[in-house]
Amino acid sequence: MSDRCVDGTVIGPNVRRRREVLGLSRAELARRARVSASWLADLESGAGMRVTADQCYRLAAALGCRMERLMGLPELAEVAGG
């Protein structure tokens, strides 16, 4: 993965919502995504962090969704009209 960064103020609330829908604790999501629980807490609070593409990918994989969903972008099927 690239070291490009995305805006955590967009991703953070989306991560929190998805985590809560799935019934995951912050500690469990942090473990699955291989990030620290304190980093995840800062992200979810909207602390204005920069999130690397690798971190975003790991969060999306742990949450069972695509990165686009966390970034608030339309998913590929929606863009393609499917």
N, C-alpha and C. Protein backbone atom coordinates (compact mmCIF):
# COMPACT_ATOMS: atom_id res chain seq x y z
N MET A 1 0.84 -1.19 0.00
CA MET A 1 0.00 0.00 0.00
C MET A 1 0.88 1.24 0.00
N SER A 2 0.34 2.29 -0.50
CA SER A 2 1.02 3.57 -0.59
C SER A 2 1.03 4.25 0.76
N ASP A 3 1.89 5.27 0.90
CA ASP A 3 1.91 6.02 2.14
C ASP A 3 1.05 7.28 2.03
N ARG A 4 0.20 7.37 1.01
CA ARG A 4 -0.71 8.50 0.87
C ARG A 4 -1.67 8.51 2.04
N CYS A 5 -2.10 9.71 2.40
CA CYS A 5 -2.97 9.84 3.56
C CYS A 5 -4.34 10.38 3.15
N VAL A 6 -5.32 10.04 3.96
CA VAL A 6 -6.67 10.54 3.78
C VAL A 6 -7.09 11.23 5.07
N ASP A 7 -8.11 12.04 4.97
CA ASP A 7 -8.57 12.87 6.09
C ASP A 7 -9.33 12.04 7.12
N GLY A 8 -8.79 11.97 8.32
CA GLY A 8 -9.42 11.20 9.38
C GLY A 8 -10.71 11.80 9.90
N THR A 9 -10.96 13.09 9.65
CA THR A 9 -12.21 13.69 10.13
C THR A 9 -13.41 13.13 9.37
N VAL A 10 -13.19 12.61 8.18
CA VAL A 10 -14.26 11.95 7.41
C VAL A 10 -14.34 10.48 7.80
N ILE A 11 -13.20 9.83 7.86
CA ILE A 11 -13.16 8.40 8.12
C ILE A 11 -13.59 8.07 9.54
N GLY A 12 -13.16 8.85 10.51
CA GLY A 12 -13.42 8.54 11.92
C GLY A 12 -14.88 8.27 12.26
N PRO A 13 -15.80 9.19 11.93
CA PRO A 13 -17.21 8.93 12.23
C PRO A 13 -17.77 7.72 11.49
N ASN A 14 -17.30 7.49 10.26
CA ASN A 14 -17.77 6.33 9.50
C ASN A 14 -17.29 5.02 10.12
N VAL A 15 -16.05 5.02 10.63
CA VAL A 15 -15.52 3.85 11.33
C VAL A 15 -16.35 3.60 12.58
N ARG A 16 -16.60 4.64 13.35
CA ARG A 16 -17.37 4.48 14.60
C ARG A 16 -18.77 3.92 14.32
N ARG A 17 -19.45 4.50 13.32
CA ARG A 17 -20.80 4.02 12.99
C ARG A 17 -20.79 2.55 12.58
N ARG A 18 -19.87 2.19 11.71
CA ARG A 18 -19.79 0.80 11.23
C ARG A 18 -19.45 -0.15 12.39
N ARG A 19 -18.52 0.27 13.25
CA ARG A 19 -18.13 -0.56 14.40
C ARG A 19 -19.33 -0.80 15.31
N GLU A 20 -20.09 0.26 15.57
CA GLU A 20 -21.26 0.14 16.44
C GLU A 20 -22.34 -0.74 15.83
N VAL A 21 -22.56 -0.61 14.51
CA VAL A 21 -23.54 -1.46 13.82
C VAL A 21 -23.16 -2.94 13.97
N LEU A 22 -21.87 -3.21 13.88
CA LEU A 22 -21.39 -4.59 13.98
C LEU A 22 -21.30 -5.08 15.42
N GLY A 23 -21.47 -4.17 16.38
CA GLY A 23 -21.40 -4.55 17.80
C GLY A 23 -19.99 -4.85 18.28
N LEU A 24 -19.00 -4.24 17.64
CA LEU A 24 -17.61 -4.46 18.04
C LEU A 24 -17.18 -3.42 19.07
N SER A 25 -16.39 -3.84 20.02
CA SER A 25 -15.78 -2.88 20.94
C SER A 25 -14.63 -2.19 20.20
N ARG A 26 -14.23 -1.06 20.71
CA ARG A 26 -13.09 -0.36 20.11
C ARG A 26 -11.84 -1.24 20.23
N ALA A 27 -11.67 -1.91 21.36
CA ALA A 27 -10.49 -2.77 21.55
C ALA A 27 -10.47 -3.91 20.54
N GLU A 28 -11.63 -4.50 20.28
CA GLU A 28 -11.69 -5.61 19.32
C GLU A 28 -11.39 -5.13 17.91
N LEU A 29 -11.94 -3.99 17.52
CA LEU A 29 -11.64 -3.47 16.18
C LEU A 29 -10.16 -3.13 16.07
N ALA A 30 -9.60 -2.52 17.09
CA ALA A 30 -8.18 -2.18 17.07
C ALA A 30 -7.33 -3.44 16.89
N ARG A 31 -7.69 -4.50 17.59
CA ARG A 31 -6.95 -5.76 17.46
C ARG A 31 -7.05 -6.31 16.04
N ARG A 32 -8.26 -6.32 15.50
CA ARG A 32 -8.47 -6.86 14.15
C ARG A 32 -7.75 -6.04 13.08
N ALA A 33 -7.71 -4.73 13.26
CA ALA A 33 -7.10 -3.84 12.27
C ALA A 33 -5.62 -3.59 12.52
N ARG A 34 -5.11 -4.14 13.61
CA ARG A 34 -3.69 -3.98 13.97
C ARG A 34 -3.32 -2.50 14.15
N VAL A 35 -4.15 -1.80 14.90
CA VAL A 35 -3.85 -0.42 15.31
C VAL A 35 -4.04 -0.35 16.82
N SER A 36 -3.53 0.68 17.45
CA SER A 36 -3.72 0.78 18.90
C SER A 36 -5.12 1.30 19.21
N ALA A 37 -5.64 0.90 20.35
CA ALA A 37 -6.96 1.35 20.77
C ALA A 37 -6.97 2.86 20.99
N SER A 38 -5.87 3.43 21.47
CA SER A 38 -5.83 4.89 21.67
C SER A 38 -5.83 5.63 20.34
N TRP A 39 -5.13 5.09 19.33
CA TRP A 39 -5.13 5.70 18.00
C TRP A 39 -6.55 5.66 17.43
N LEU A 40 -7.23 4.51 17.59
CA LEU A 40 -8.59 4.37 17.10
C LEU A 40 -9.54 5.33 17.81
N ALA A 41 -9.37 5.50 19.12
CA ALA A 41 -10.21 6.44 19.88
C ALA A 41 -10.02 7.86 19.35
N ASP A 42 -8.77 8.24 19.09
CA ASP A 42 -8.50 9.57 18.53
C ASP A 42 -9.15 9.72 17.16
N LEU A 43 -9.03 8.69 16.33
CA LEU A 43 -9.62 8.74 14.99
C LEU A 43 -11.13 8.91 15.08
N GLU A 44 -11.78 8.09 15.89
CA GLU A 44 -13.23 8.14 16.01
C GLU A 44 -13.73 9.45 16.61
N SER A 45 -12.90 10.11 17.37
CA SER A 45 -13.31 11.39 17.99
C SER A 45 -13.23 12.55 17.01
N GLY A 46 -12.69 12.30 15.81
CA GLY A 46 -12.59 13.36 14.81
C GLY A 46 -11.44 14.30 15.09
N ALA A 47 -10.35 13.77 15.61
CA ALA A 47 -9.21 14.58 16.01
C ALA A 47 -8.43 15.20 14.85
N GLY A 48 -8.90 15.03 13.62
CA GLY A 48 -8.23 15.65 12.48
C GLY A 48 -6.94 14.95 12.09
N MET A 49 -6.88 13.67 12.31
CA MET A 49 -5.69 12.89 12.00
C MET A 49 -5.60 12.62 10.50
N ARG A 50 -4.40 12.27 10.07
CA ARG A 50 -4.19 11.77 8.72
C ARG A 50 -4.11 10.25 8.83
N VAL A 51 -4.79 9.56 7.95
CA VAL A 51 -4.84 8.10 7.96
C VAL A 51 -4.18 7.60 6.69
N THR A 52 -3.22 6.70 6.84
CA THR A 52 -2.55 6.17 5.65
C THR A 52 -3.50 5.24 4.91
N ALA A 53 -3.20 5.01 3.65
CA ALA A 53 -4.00 4.08 2.86
C ALA A 53 -3.96 2.70 3.48
N ASP A 54 -2.82 2.29 4.01
CA ASP A 54 -2.70 0.99 4.65
C ASP A 54 -3.60 0.90 5.88
N GLN A 55 -3.61 1.93 6.71
CA GLN A 55 -4.48 1.93 7.89
C GLN A 55 -5.95 1.88 7.48
N CYS A 56 -6.31 2.64 6.46
CA CYS A 56 -7.68 2.65 5.98
C CYS A 56 -8.06 1.28 5.44
N TYR A 57 -7.17 0.65 4.71
CA TYR A 57 -7.44 -0.69 4.18
C TYR A 57 -7.66 -1.69 5.31
N ARG A 58 -6.78 -1.64 6.33
CA ARG A 58 -6.91 -2.58 7.45
C ARG A 58 -8.20 -2.35 8.22
N LEU A 59 -8.59 -1.09 8.41
CA LEU A 59 -9.86 -0.80 9.08
C LEU A 59 -11.03 -1.33 8.27
N ALA A 60 -11.02 -1.08 6.96
CA ALA A 60 -12.11 -1.55 6.11
C ALA A 60 -12.20 -3.08 6.13
N ALA A 61 -11.07 -3.75 6.05
CA ALA A 61 -11.07 -5.21 6.08
C ALA A 61 -11.63 -5.72 7.41
N ALA A 62 -11.23 -5.10 8.51
CA ALA A 62 -11.70 -5.51 9.83
C ALA A 62 -13.19 -5.24 10.01
N LEU A 63 -13.70 -4.24 9.29
CA LEU A 63 -15.11 -3.88 9.39
C LEU A 63 -15.96 -4.54 8.29
N GLY A 64 -15.32 -5.31 7.42
CA GLY A 64 -16.05 -6.01 6.37
C GLY A 64 -16.66 -5.10 5.33
N CYS A 65 -15.96 -4.03 5.00
CA CYS A 65 -16.47 -3.10 3.98
C CYS A 65 -15.32 -2.62 3.10
N ARG A 66 -15.65 -1.85 2.09
CA ARG A 66 -14.64 -1.28 1.20
C ARG A 66 -14.13 0.04 1.77
N MET A 67 -12.91 0.40 1.38
CA MET A 67 -12.33 1.67 1.82
C MET A 67 -13.20 2.86 1.43
N GLU A 68 -13.83 2.78 0.24
CA GLU A 68 -14.66 3.89 -0.24
C GLU A 68 -15.77 4.21 0.77
N ARG A 69 -16.31 3.19 1.38
CA ARG A 69 -17.38 3.40 2.36
C ARG A 69 -16.87 4.22 3.55
N LEU A 70 -15.67 3.91 4.02
CA LEU A 70 -15.11 4.65 5.14
C LEU A 70 -14.77 6.08 4.76
N MET A 71 -14.41 6.28 3.49
CA MET A 71 -14.05 7.62 3.02
C MET A 71 -15.26 8.44 2.61
N GLY A 72 -16.45 7.84 2.69
CA GLY A 72 -17.66 8.57 2.33
C GLY A 72 -17.83 8.74 0.83
N LEU A 73 -17.18 7.87 0.06
CA LEU A 73 -17.27 7.93 -1.40
C LEU A 73 -18.27 6.89 -1.89
N PRO A 74 -18.87 7.13 -3.04
CA PRO A 74 -19.75 6.09 -3.60
C PRO A 74 -18.92 4.87 -3.95
N GLU A 75 -19.47 3.70 -3.71
CA GLU A 75 -18.75 2.47 -4.03
C GLU A 75 -18.78 2.24 -5.53
N LEU A 76 -17.88 1.43 -6.02
CA LEU A 76 -17.72 1.23 -7.46
C LEU A 76 -19.01 0.83 -8.15
N ALA A 77 -19.80 -0.04 -7.57
CA ALA A 77 -21.04 -0.47 -8.20
C ALA A 77 -22.00 0.71 -8.36
N GLU A 78 -22.02 1.63 -7.41
CA GLU A 78 -22.90 2.78 -7.50
C GLU A 78 -22.46 3.71 -8.63
N VAL A 79 -21.15 3.89 -8.77
CA VAL A 79 -20.61 4.77 -9.81
C VAL A 79 -20.90 4.19 -11.18
N ALA A 80 -20.77 2.86 -11.30
CA ALA A 80 -20.98 2.19 -12.58
C ALA A 80 -22.46 2.01 -12.92
N GLY A 81 -23.31 2.42 -12.00
CA GLY A 81 -24.74 2.31 -12.26
C GLY A 81 -25.32 0.95 -11.89
N GLY A 82 -24.53 0.16 -11.12
CA GLY A 82 -24.99 -1.19 -10.76
C GLY A 82 -25.43 -1.23 -9.40
